[in-house]
Amino acid sequence: MTKQELFRKLTSRKLWAALAGLSAGLAMAFGLDEAVISTVAGAVVAVASVATYIVTEGRLDAEGIKKAVESVQEAVEAVEEMEDGSKEG
């Protein structure tokens, strides 16, 4: 498993929802208050959702920047080729 695949799985809302459900089930088994269980489970799912959104938007922004840099590099190369062509002629 690559780092990217592992990272994608760790930011999965399904994983965090499952962990919240597991922790809620264990908390009930050990007799914790239902209000505390609901609060903790809700907080886990909320944090996971926000983290997933931030990571996804960051990746999209990084990809956009990468494409912009590639476009600028291509434009610079085209200008350099035009300059080299005009010097030879």
PDB file of N, CA and C in Angstrom:
ATOM      1  N   MET A   1       0.844  -1.177   0.000  1.00  0.00           N
ATOM      2  CA  MET A   1       0.000   0.000   0.000  1.00  0.00           C
ATOM      3  C   MET A   1       0.891   1.243   0.000  1.00  0.00           C
ATOM      4  N   THR A   2       0.590   2.151  -0.899  1.00  0.00           N
ATOM      5  CA  THR A   2       1.380   3.371  -0.990  1.00  0.00           C
ATOM      6  C   THR A   2       0.936   4.367   0.085  1.00  0.00           C
ATOM      7  N   LYS A   3       1.769   5.383   0.279  1.00  0.00           N
ATOM      8  CA  LYS A   3       1.435   6.433   1.255  1.00  0.00           C
ATOM      9  C   LYS A   3       0.135   7.121   0.879  1.00  0.00           C
ATOM     10  N   GLN A   4      -0.044   7.348  -0.416  1.00  0.00           N
ATOM     11  CA  GLN A   4      -1.232   8.049  -0.888  1.00  0.00           C
ATOM     12  C   GLN A   4      -2.496   7.227  -0.594  1.00  0.00           C
ATOM     13  N   GLU A   5      -2.432   5.917  -0.834  1.00  0.00           N
ATOM     14  CA  GLU A   5      -3.588   5.066  -0.554  1.00  0.00           C
ATOM     15  C   GLU A   5      -3.892   5.033   0.940  1.00  0.00           C
ATOM     16  N   LEU A   6      -2.850   4.929   1.756  1.00  0.00           N
ATOM     17  CA  LEU A   6      -3.026   4.909   3.205  1.00  0.00           C
ATOM     18  C   LEU A   6      -3.626   6.226   3.684  1.00  0.00           C
ATOM     19  N   PHE A   7      -3.112   7.331   3.163  1.00  0.00           N
ATOM     20  CA  PHE A   7      -3.610   8.649   3.538  1.00  0.00           C
ATOM     21  C   PHE A   7      -5.079   8.794   3.150  1.00  0.00           C
ATOM     22  N   ARG A   8      -5.422   8.313   1.957  1.00  0.00           N
ATOM     23  CA  ARG A   8      -6.810   8.391   1.485  1.00  0.00           C
ATOM     24  C   ARG A   8      -7.721   7.592   2.406  1.00  0.00           C
ATOM     25  N   LYS A   9      -7.275   6.427   2.826  1.00  0.00           N
ATOM     26  CA  LYS A   9      -8.093   5.602   3.712  1.00  0.00           C
ATOM     27  C   LYS A   9      -8.238   6.231   5.088  1.00  0.00           C
ATOM     28  N   LEU A  10      -7.165   6.853   5.579  1.00  0.00           N
ATOM     29  CA  LEU A  10      -7.230   7.474   6.903  1.00  0.00           C
ATOM     30  C   LEU A  10      -8.105   8.717   6.923  1.00  0.00           C
ATOM     31  N   THR A  11      -8.329   9.332   5.770  1.00  0.00           N
ATOM     32  CA  THR A  11      -9.191  10.508   5.708  1.00  0.00           C
ATOM     33  C   THR A  11     -10.608  10.159   5.258  1.00  0.00           C
ATOM     34  N   SER A  12     -10.910   8.885   5.187  1.00  0.00           N
ATOM     35  CA  SER A  12     -12.235   8.435   4.780  1.00  0.00           C
ATOM     36  C   SER A  12     -13.258   8.702   5.883  1.00  0.00           C
ATOM     37  N   ARG A  13     -14.356   9.344   5.526  1.00  0.00           N
ATOM     38  CA  ARG A  13     -15.422   9.588   6.509  1.00  0.00           C
ATOM     39  C   ARG A  13     -16.044   8.275   6.956  1.00  0.00           C
ATOM     40  N   LYS A  14     -16.067   7.281   6.078  1.00  0.00           N
ATOM     41  CA  LYS A  14     -16.624   5.982   6.456  1.00  0.00           C
ATOM     42  C   LYS A  14     -15.801   5.355   7.575  1.00  0.00           C
ATOM     43  N   LEU A  15     -14.483   5.460   7.473  1.00  0.00           N
ATOM     44  CA  LEU A  15     -13.617   4.918   8.523  1.00  0.00           C
ATOM     45  C   LEU A  15     -13.894   5.612   9.845  1.00  0.00           C
ATOM     46  N   TRP A  16     -13.955   6.938   9.821  1.00  0.00           N
ATOM     47  CA  TRP A  16     -14.176   7.685  11.057  1.00  0.00           C
ATOM     48  C   TRP A  16     -15.558   7.430  11.631  1.00  0.00           C
ATOM     49  N   ALA A  17     -16.554   7.266  10.770  1.00  0.00           N
ATOM     50  CA  ALA A  17     -17.894   6.935  11.254  1.00  0.00           C
ATOM     51  C   ALA A  17     -17.891   5.549  11.899  1.00  0.00           C
ATOM     52  N   ALA A  18     -17.169   4.616  11.292  1.00  0.00           N
ATOM     53  CA  ALA A  18     -17.063   3.275  11.874  1.00  0.00           C
ATOM     54  C   ALA A  18     -16.356   3.316  13.222  1.00  0.00           C
ATOM     55  N   LEU A  19     -15.282   4.102  13.311  1.00  0.00           N
ATOM     56  CA  LEU A  19     -14.575   4.223  14.588  1.00  0.00           C
ATOM     57  C   LEU A  19     -15.456   4.893  15.648  1.00  0.00           C
ATOM     58  N   ALA A  20     -16.242   5.875  15.225  1.00  0.00           N
ATOM     59  CA  ALA A  20     -17.161   6.519  16.172  1.00  0.00           C
ATOM     60  C   ALA A  20     -18.193   5.513  16.658  1.00  0.00           C
ATOM     61  N   GLY A  21     -18.698   4.699  15.747  1.00  0.00           N
ATOM     62  CA  GLY A  21     -19.665   3.664  16.130  1.00  0.00           C
ATOM     63  C   GLY A  21     -19.055   2.630  17.060  1.00  0.00           C
ATOM     64  N   LEU A  22     -17.830   2.237  16.769  1.00  0.00           N
ATOM     65  CA  LEU A  22     -17.132   1.269  17.619  1.00  0.00           C
ATOM     66  C   LEU A  22     -16.907   1.837  19.015  1.00  0.00           C
ATOM     67  N   SER A  23     -16.421   3.078  19.058  1.00  0.00           N
ATOM     68  CA  SER A  23     -16.161   3.684  20.367  1.00  0.00           C
ATOM     69  C   SER A  23     -17.467   3.891  21.136  1.00  0.00           C
ATOM     70  N   ALA A  24     -18.540   4.248  20.427  1.00  0.00           N
ATOM     71  CA  ALA A  24     -19.836   4.410  21.094  1.00  0.00           C
ATOM     72  C   ALA A  24     -20.323   3.078  21.653  1.00  0.00           C
ATOM     73  N   GLY A  25     -20.153   2.028  20.870  1.00  0.00           N
ATOM     74  CA  GLY A  25     -20.552   0.697  21.347  1.00  0.00           C
ATOM     75  C   GLY A  25     -19.764   0.267  22.565  1.00  0.00           C
ATOM     76  N   LEU A  26     -18.460   0.499  22.545  1.00  0.00           N
ATOM     77  CA  LEU A  26     -17.627   0.157  23.700  1.00  0.00           C
ATOM     78  C   LEU A  26     -17.989   1.004  24.914  1.00  0.00           C
ATOM     79  N   ALA A  27     -18.270   2.281  24.671  1.00  0.00           N
ATOM     80  CA  ALA A  27     -18.641   3.152  25.779  1.00  0.00           C
ATOM     81  C   ALA A  27     -19.943   2.682  26.418  1.00  0.00           C
ATOM     82  N   MET A  28     -20.900   2.253  25.590  1.00  0.00           N
ATOM     83  CA  MET A  28     -22.158   1.731  26.135  1.00  0.00           C
ATOM     84  C   MET A  28     -21.919   0.451  26.919  1.00  0.00           C
ATOM     85  N   ALA A  29     -21.050  -0.383  26.391  1.00  0.00           N
ATOM     86  CA  ALA A  29     -20.751  -1.640  27.079  1.00  0.00           C
ATOM     87  C   ALA A  29     -20.137  -1.394  28.449  1.00  0.00           C
ATOM     88  N   PHE A  30     -19.380  -0.319  28.582  1.00  0.00           N
ATOM     89  CA  PHE A  30     -18.745  -0.005  29.864  1.00  0.00           C
ATOM     90  C   PHE A  30     -19.597   0.935  30.722  1.00  0.00           C
ATOM     91  N   GLY A  31     -20.820   1.253  30.252  1.00  0.00           N
ATOM     92  CA  GLY A  31     -21.768   1.994  31.062  1.00  0.00           C
ATOM     93  C   GLY A  31     -21.594   3.498  31.111  1.00  0.00           C
ATOM     94  N   LEU A  32     -20.979   4.093  30.108  1.00  0.00           N
ATOM     95  CA  LEU A  32     -20.860   5.558  30.096  1.00  0.00           C
ATOM     96  C   LEU A  32     -22.200   6.198  29.769  1.00  0.00           C
ATOM     97  N   ASP A  33     -22.350   7.452  30.140  1.00  0.00           N
ATOM     98  CA  ASP A  33     -23.568   8.216  29.924  1.00  0.00           C
ATOM     99  C   ASP A  33     -23.832   8.388  28.425  1.00  0.00           C
ATOM    100  N   GLU A  34     -25.097   8.252  28.029  1.00  0.00           N
ATOM    101  CA  GLU A  34     -25.452   8.359  26.608  1.00  0.00           C
ATOM    102  C   GLU A  34     -25.166   9.737  26.038  1.00  0.00           C
ATOM    103  N   ALA A  35     -25.303  10.769  26.813  1.00  0.00           N
ATOM    104  CA  ALA A  35     -25.026  12.127  26.334  1.00  0.00           C
ATOM    105  C   ALA A  35     -23.550  12.277  25.982  1.00  0.00           C
ATOM    106  N   VAL A  36     -22.693  11.715  26.809  1.00  0.00           N
ATOM    107  CA  VAL A  36     -21.245  11.771  26.546  1.00  0.00           C
ATOM    108  C   VAL A  36     -20.922  10.979  25.288  1.00  0.00           C
ATOM    109  N   ILE A  37     -21.539   9.825  25.154  1.00  0.00           N
ATOM    110  CA  ILE A  37     -21.303   8.972  23.980  1.00  0.00           C
ATOM    111  C   ILE A  37     -21.716   9.705  22.707  1.00  0.00           C
ATOM    112  N   SER A  38     -22.896  10.302  22.709  1.00  0.00           N
ATOM    113  CA  SER A  38     -23.380  11.036  21.531  1.00  0.00           C
ATOM    114  C   SER A  38     -22.474  12.215  21.200  1.00  0.00           C
ATOM    115  N   THR A  39     -22.041  12.924  22.221  1.00  0.00           N
ATOM    116  CA  THR A  39     -21.173  14.086  22.004  1.00  0.00           C
ATOM    117  C   THR A  39     -19.846  13.668  21.394  1.00  0.00           C
ATOM    118  N   VAL A  40     -19.248  12.629  21.926  1.00  0.00           N
ATOM    119  CA  VAL A  40     -17.951  12.167  21.419  1.00  0.00           C
ATOM    120  C   VAL A  40     -18.090  11.636  19.995  1.00  0.00           C
ATOM    121  N   ALA A  41     -19.113  10.823  19.745  1.00  0.00           N
ATOM    122  CA  ALA A  41     -19.313  10.273  18.396  1.00  0.00           C
ATOM    123  C   ALA A  41     -19.547  11.401  17.388  1.00  0.00           C
ATOM    124  N   GLY A  42     -20.364  12.380  17.758  1.00  0.00           N
ATOM    125  CA  GLY A  42     -20.615  13.511  16.868  1.00  0.00           C
ATOM    126  C   GLY A  42     -19.365  14.320  16.602  1.00  0.00           C
ATOM    127  N   ALA A  43     -18.557  14.517  17.630  1.00  0.00           N
ATOM    128  CA  ALA A  43     -17.316  15.273  17.466  1.00  0.00           C
ATOM    129  C   ALA A  43     -16.347  14.543  16.543  1.00  0.00           C
ATOM    130  N   VAL A  44     -16.244  13.228  16.691  1.00  0.00           N
ATOM    131  CA  VAL A  44     -15.336  12.452  15.839  1.00  0.00           C
ATOM    132  C   VAL A  44     -15.747  12.566  14.375  1.00  0.00           C
ATOM    133  N   VAL A  45     -17.031  12.404  14.103  1.00  0.00           N
ATOM    134  CA  VAL A  45     -17.508  12.481  12.717  1.00  0.00           C
ATOM    135  C   VAL A  45     -17.341  13.900  12.167  1.00  0.00           C
ATOM    136  N   ALA A  46     -17.606  14.911  12.973  1.00  0.00           N
ATOM    137  CA  ALA A  46     -17.459  16.294  12.513  1.00  0.00           C
ATOM    138  C   ALA A  46     -16.002  16.618  12.192  1.00  0.00           C
ATOM    139  N   VAL A  47     -15.099  16.247  13.071  1.00  0.00           N
ATOM    140  CA  VAL A  47     -13.675  16.510  12.841  1.00  0.00           C
ATOM    141  C   VAL A  47     -13.188  15.771  11.594  1.00  0.00           C
ATOM    142  N   ALA A  48     -13.623  14.534  11.436  1.00  0.00           N
ATOM    143  CA  ALA A  48     -13.214  13.769  10.255  1.00  0.00           C
ATOM    144  C   ALA A  48     -13.721  14.419   8.970  1.00  0.00           C
ATOM    145  N   SER A  49     -14.950  14.919   8.991  1.00  0.00           N
ATOM    146  CA  SER A  49     -15.507  15.576   7.803  1.00  0.00           C
ATOM    147  C   SER A  49     -14.729  16.836   7.454  1.00  0.00           C
ATOM    148  N   VAL A  50     -14.425  17.636   8.453  1.00  0.00           N
ATOM    149  CA  VAL A  50     -13.673  18.871   8.218  1.00  0.00           C
ATOM    150  C   VAL A  50     -12.263  18.554   7.716  1.00  0.00           C
ATOM    151  N   ALA A  51     -11.609  17.582   8.333  1.00  0.00           N
ATOM    152  CA  ALA A  51     -10.257  17.208   7.912  1.00  0.00           C
ATOM    153  C   ALA A  51     -10.256  16.700   6.475  1.00  0.00           C
ATOM    154  N   THR A  52     -11.240  15.889   6.129  1.00  0.00           N
ATOM    155  CA  THR A  52     -11.338  15.374   4.761  1.00  0.00           C
ATOM    156  C   THR A  52     -11.538  16.510   3.771  1.00  0.00           C
ATOM    157  N   TYR A  53     -12.386  17.463   4.104  1.00  0.00           N
ATOM    158  CA  TYR A  53     -12.627  18.608   3.227  1.00  0.00           C
ATOM    159  C   TYR A  53     -11.352  19.420   3.028  1.00  0.00           C
ATOM    160  N   ILE A  54     -10.651  19.687   4.115  1.00  0.00           N
ATOM    161  CA  ILE A  54      -9.426  20.482   4.030  1.00  0.00           C
ATOM    162  C   ILE A  54      -8.378  19.788   3.178  1.00  0.00           C
ATOM    163  N   VAL A  55      -8.197  18.496   3.398  1.00  0.00           N
ATOM    164  CA  VAL A  55      -7.199  17.741   2.630  1.00  0.00           C
ATOM    165  C   VAL A  55      -7.569  17.702   1.153  1.00  0.00           C
ATOM    166  N   THR A  56      -8.843  17.456   0.874  1.00  0.00           N
ATOM    167  CA  THR A  56      -9.289  17.387  -0.527  1.00  0.00           C
ATOM    168  C   THR A  56      -9.102  18.724  -1.229  1.00  0.00           C
ATOM    169  N   GLU A  57      -9.502  19.811  -0.586  1.00  0.00           N
ATOM    170  CA  GLU A  57      -9.331  21.136  -1.187  1.00  0.00           C
ATOM    171  C   GLU A  57      -7.850  21.468  -1.367  1.00  0.00           C
ATOM    172  N   GLY A  58      -7.032  21.082  -0.416  1.00  0.00           N
ATOM    173  CA  GLY A  58      -5.588  21.305  -0.538  1.00  0.00           C
ATOM    174  C   GLY A  58      -5.002  20.585  -1.735  1.00  0.00           C
ATOM    175  N   ARG A  59      -5.440  19.357  -1.926  1.00  0.00           N
ATOM    176  CA  ARG A  59      -4.953  18.595  -3.085  1.00  0.00           C
ATOM    177  C   ARG A  59      -5.401  19.225  -4.394  1.00  0.00           C
ATOM    178  N   LEU A  60      -6.658  19.669  -4.443  1.00  0.00           N
ATOM    179  CA  LEU A  60      -7.152  20.318  -5.662  1.00  0.00           C
ATOM    180  C   LEU A  60      -6.384  21.607  -5.939  1.00  0.00           C
ATOM    181  N   ASP A  61      -6.131  22.388  -4.899  1.00  0.00           N
ATOM    182  CA  ASP A  61      -5.356  23.621  -5.063  1.00  0.00           C
ATOM    183  C   ASP A  61      -3.945  23.318  -5.544  1.00  0.00           C
ATOM    184  N   ALA A  62      -3.321  22.299  -4.977  1.00  0.00           N
ATOM    185  CA  ALA A  62      -1.963  21.935  -5.375  1.00  0.00           C
ATOM    186  C   ALA A  62      -1.930  21.491  -6.837  1.00  0.00           C
ATOM    187  N   GLU A  63      -2.936  20.748  -7.258  1.00  0.00           N
ATOM    188  CA  GLU A  63      -2.993  20.305  -8.657  1.00  0.00           C
ATOM    189  C   GLU A  63      -3.182  21.501  -9.588  1.00  0.00           C
ATOM    190  N   GLY A  64      -4.010  22.448  -9.189  1.00  0.00           N
ATOM    191  CA  GLY A  64      -4.210  23.654  -9.991  1.00  0.00           C
ATOM    192  C   GLY A  64      -2.938  24.472 -10.123  1.00  0.00           C
ATOM    193  N   ILE A  65      -2.203  24.594  -9.035  1.00  0.00           N
ATOM    194  CA  ILE A  65      -0.934  25.324  -9.061  1.00  0.00           C
ATOM    195  C   ILE A  65       0.070  24.609  -9.946  1.00  0.00           C
ATOM    196  N   LYS A  66       0.109  23.290  -9.852  1.00  0.00           N
ATOM    197  CA  LYS A  66       1.030  22.506 -10.678  1.00  0.00           C
ATOM    198  C   LYS A  66       0.747  22.739 -12.167  1.00  0.00           C
ATOM    199  N   LYS A  67      -0.536  22.725 -12.537  1.00  0.00           N
ATOM    200  CA  LYS A  67      -0.897  22.952 -13.938  1.00  0.00           C
ATOM    201  C   LYS A  67      -0.548  24.368 -14.375  1.00  0.00           C
ATOM    202  N   ALA A  68      -0.737  25.340 -13.499  1.00  0.00           N
ATOM    203  CA  ALA A  68      -0.398  26.731 -13.832  1.00  0.00           C
ATOM    204  C   ALA A  68       1.100  26.880 -14.051  1.00  0.00           C
ATOM    205  N   VAL A  69       1.893  26.257 -13.202  1.00  0.00           N
ATOM    206  CA  VAL A  69       3.355  26.322 -13.340  1.00  0.00           C
ATOM    207  C   VAL A  69       3.786  25.673 -14.653  1.00  0.00           C
ATOM    208  N   GLU A  70       3.186  24.535 -14.985  1.00  0.00           N
ATOM    209  CA  GLU A  70       3.520  23.868 -16.245  1.00  0.00           C
ATOM    210  C   GLU A  70       3.170  24.756 -17.440  1.00  0.00           C
ATOM    211  N   SER A  71       2.043  25.450 -17.375  1.00  0.00           N
ATOM    212  CA  SER A  71       1.643  26.338 -18.465  1.00  0.00           C
ATOM    213  C   SER A  71       2.615  27.505 -18.612  1.00  0.00           C
ATOM    214  N   VAL A  72       3.038  28.059 -17.494  1.00  0.00           N
ATOM    215  CA  VAL A  72       4.002  29.161 -17.537  1.00  0.00           C
ATOM    216  C   VAL A  72       5.333  28.670 -18.109  1.00  0.00           C
ATOM    217  N   GLN A  73       5.766  27.486 -17.693  1.00  0.00           N
ATOM    218  CA  GLN A  73       7.014  26.936 -18.219  1.00  0.00           C
ATOM    219  C   GLN A  73       6.926  26.724 -19.725  1.00  0.00           C
ATOM    220  N   GLU A  74       5.798  26.223 -20.198  1.00  0.00           N
ATOM    221  CA  GLU A  74       5.620  26.026 -21.639  1.00  0.00           C
ATOM    222  C   GLU A  74       5.652  27.368 -22.376  1.00  0.00           C
ATOM    223  N   ALA A  75       5.039  28.387 -21.798  1.00  0.00           N
ATOM    224  CA  ALA A  75       5.036  29.711 -22.429  1.00  0.00           C
ATOM    225  C   ALA A  75       6.449  30.286 -22.491  1.00  0.00           C
ATOM    226  N   VAL A  76       7.214  30.128 -21.414  1.00  0.00           N
ATOM    227  CA  VAL A  76       8.599  30.625 -21.390  1.00  0.00           C
ATOM    228  C   VAL A  76       9.420  29.905 -22.446  1.00  0.00           C
ATOM    229  N   GLU A  77       9.255  28.594 -22.543  1.00  0.00           N
ATOM    230  CA  GLU A  77       9.996  27.832 -23.554  1.00  0.00           C
ATOM    231  C   GLU A  77       9.624  28.286 -24.962  1.00  0.00           C
ATOM    232  N   ALA A  78       8.336  28.570 -25.196  1.00  0.00           N
ATOM    233  CA  ALA A  78       7.904  29.018 -26.519  1.00  0.00           C
ATOM    234  C   ALA A  78       8.521  30.368 -26.855  1.00  0.00           C
ATOM    235  N   VAL A  79       8.560  31.268 -25.878  1.00  0.00           N
ATOM    236  CA  VAL A  79       9.163  32.585 -26.099  1.00  0.00           C
ATOM    237  C   VAL A  79      10.654  32.444 -26.369  1.00  0.00           C
ATOM    238  N   GLU A  80      11.327  31.587 -25.617  1.00  0.00           N
ATOM    239  CA  GLU A  80      12.758  31.365 -25.823  1.00  0.00           C
ATOM    240  C   GLU A  80      13.033  30.807 -27.216  1.00  0.00           C
ATOM    241  N   GLU A  81      12.186  29.895 -27.679  1.00  0.00           N
ATOM    242  CA  GLU A  81      12.346  29.332 -29.026  1.00  0.00           C
ATOM    243  C   GLU A  81      12.148  30.409 -30.079  1.00  0.00           C
ATOM    244  N   MET A  82      11.164  31.296 -29.858  1.00  0.00           N
ATOM    245  CA  MET A  82      10.939  32.382 -30.808  1.00  0.00           C
ATOM    246  C   MET A  82      12.121  33.327 -30.837  1.00  0.00           C
ATOM    247  N   GLU A  83      12.710  33.616 -29.681  1.00  0.00           N
ATOM    248  CA  GLU A  83      13.863  34.497 -29.609  1.00  0.00           C
ATOM    249  C   GLU A  83      15.053  33.861 -30.306  1.00  0.00           C
ATOM    250  N   ASP A  84      15.268  32.545 -30.076  1.00  0.00           N
ATOM    251  CA  ASP A  84      16.375  31.841 -30.722  1.00  0.00           C
ATOM    252  C   ASP A  84      16.205  31.831 -32.230  1.00  0.00           C
ATOM    253  N   GLY A  85      14.963  31.682 -32.681  1.00  0.00           N
ATOM    254  CA  GLY A  85      14.677  31.681 -34.130  1.00  0.00           C
ATOM    255  C   GLY A  85      14.928  33.031 -34.753  1.00  0.00           C
ATOM    256  N   SER A  86      14.627  34.094 -34.039  1.00  0.00           N
ATOM    257  CA  SER A  86      14.814  35.430 -34.599  1.00  0.00           C
ATOM    258  C   SER A  86      16.305  35.808 -34.600  1.00  0.00           C
ATOM    259  N   LYS A  87      17.096  35.266 -33.698  1.00  0.00           N
ATOM    260  CA  LYS A  87      18.533  35.540 -33.670  1.00  0.00           C
ATOM    261  C   LYS A  87      19.263  34.840 -34.801  1.00  0.00           C
ATOM    262  N   GLU A  88      18.762  33.664 -35.182  1.00  0.00           N
ATOM    263  CA  GLU A  88      19.398  32.900 -36.245  1.00  0.00           C
ATOM    264  C   GLU A  88      19.108  33.516 -37.608  1.00  0.00           C
ATOM    265  N   GLY A  89      17.986  34.171 -37.780  1.00  0.00           N
ATOM    266  CA  GLY A  89      17.521  34.694 -39.067  1.00  0.00           C
ATOM    267  C   GLY A  89      18.052  36.009 -39.380  1.00  0.00           C
TER     268      GLY A  89
END
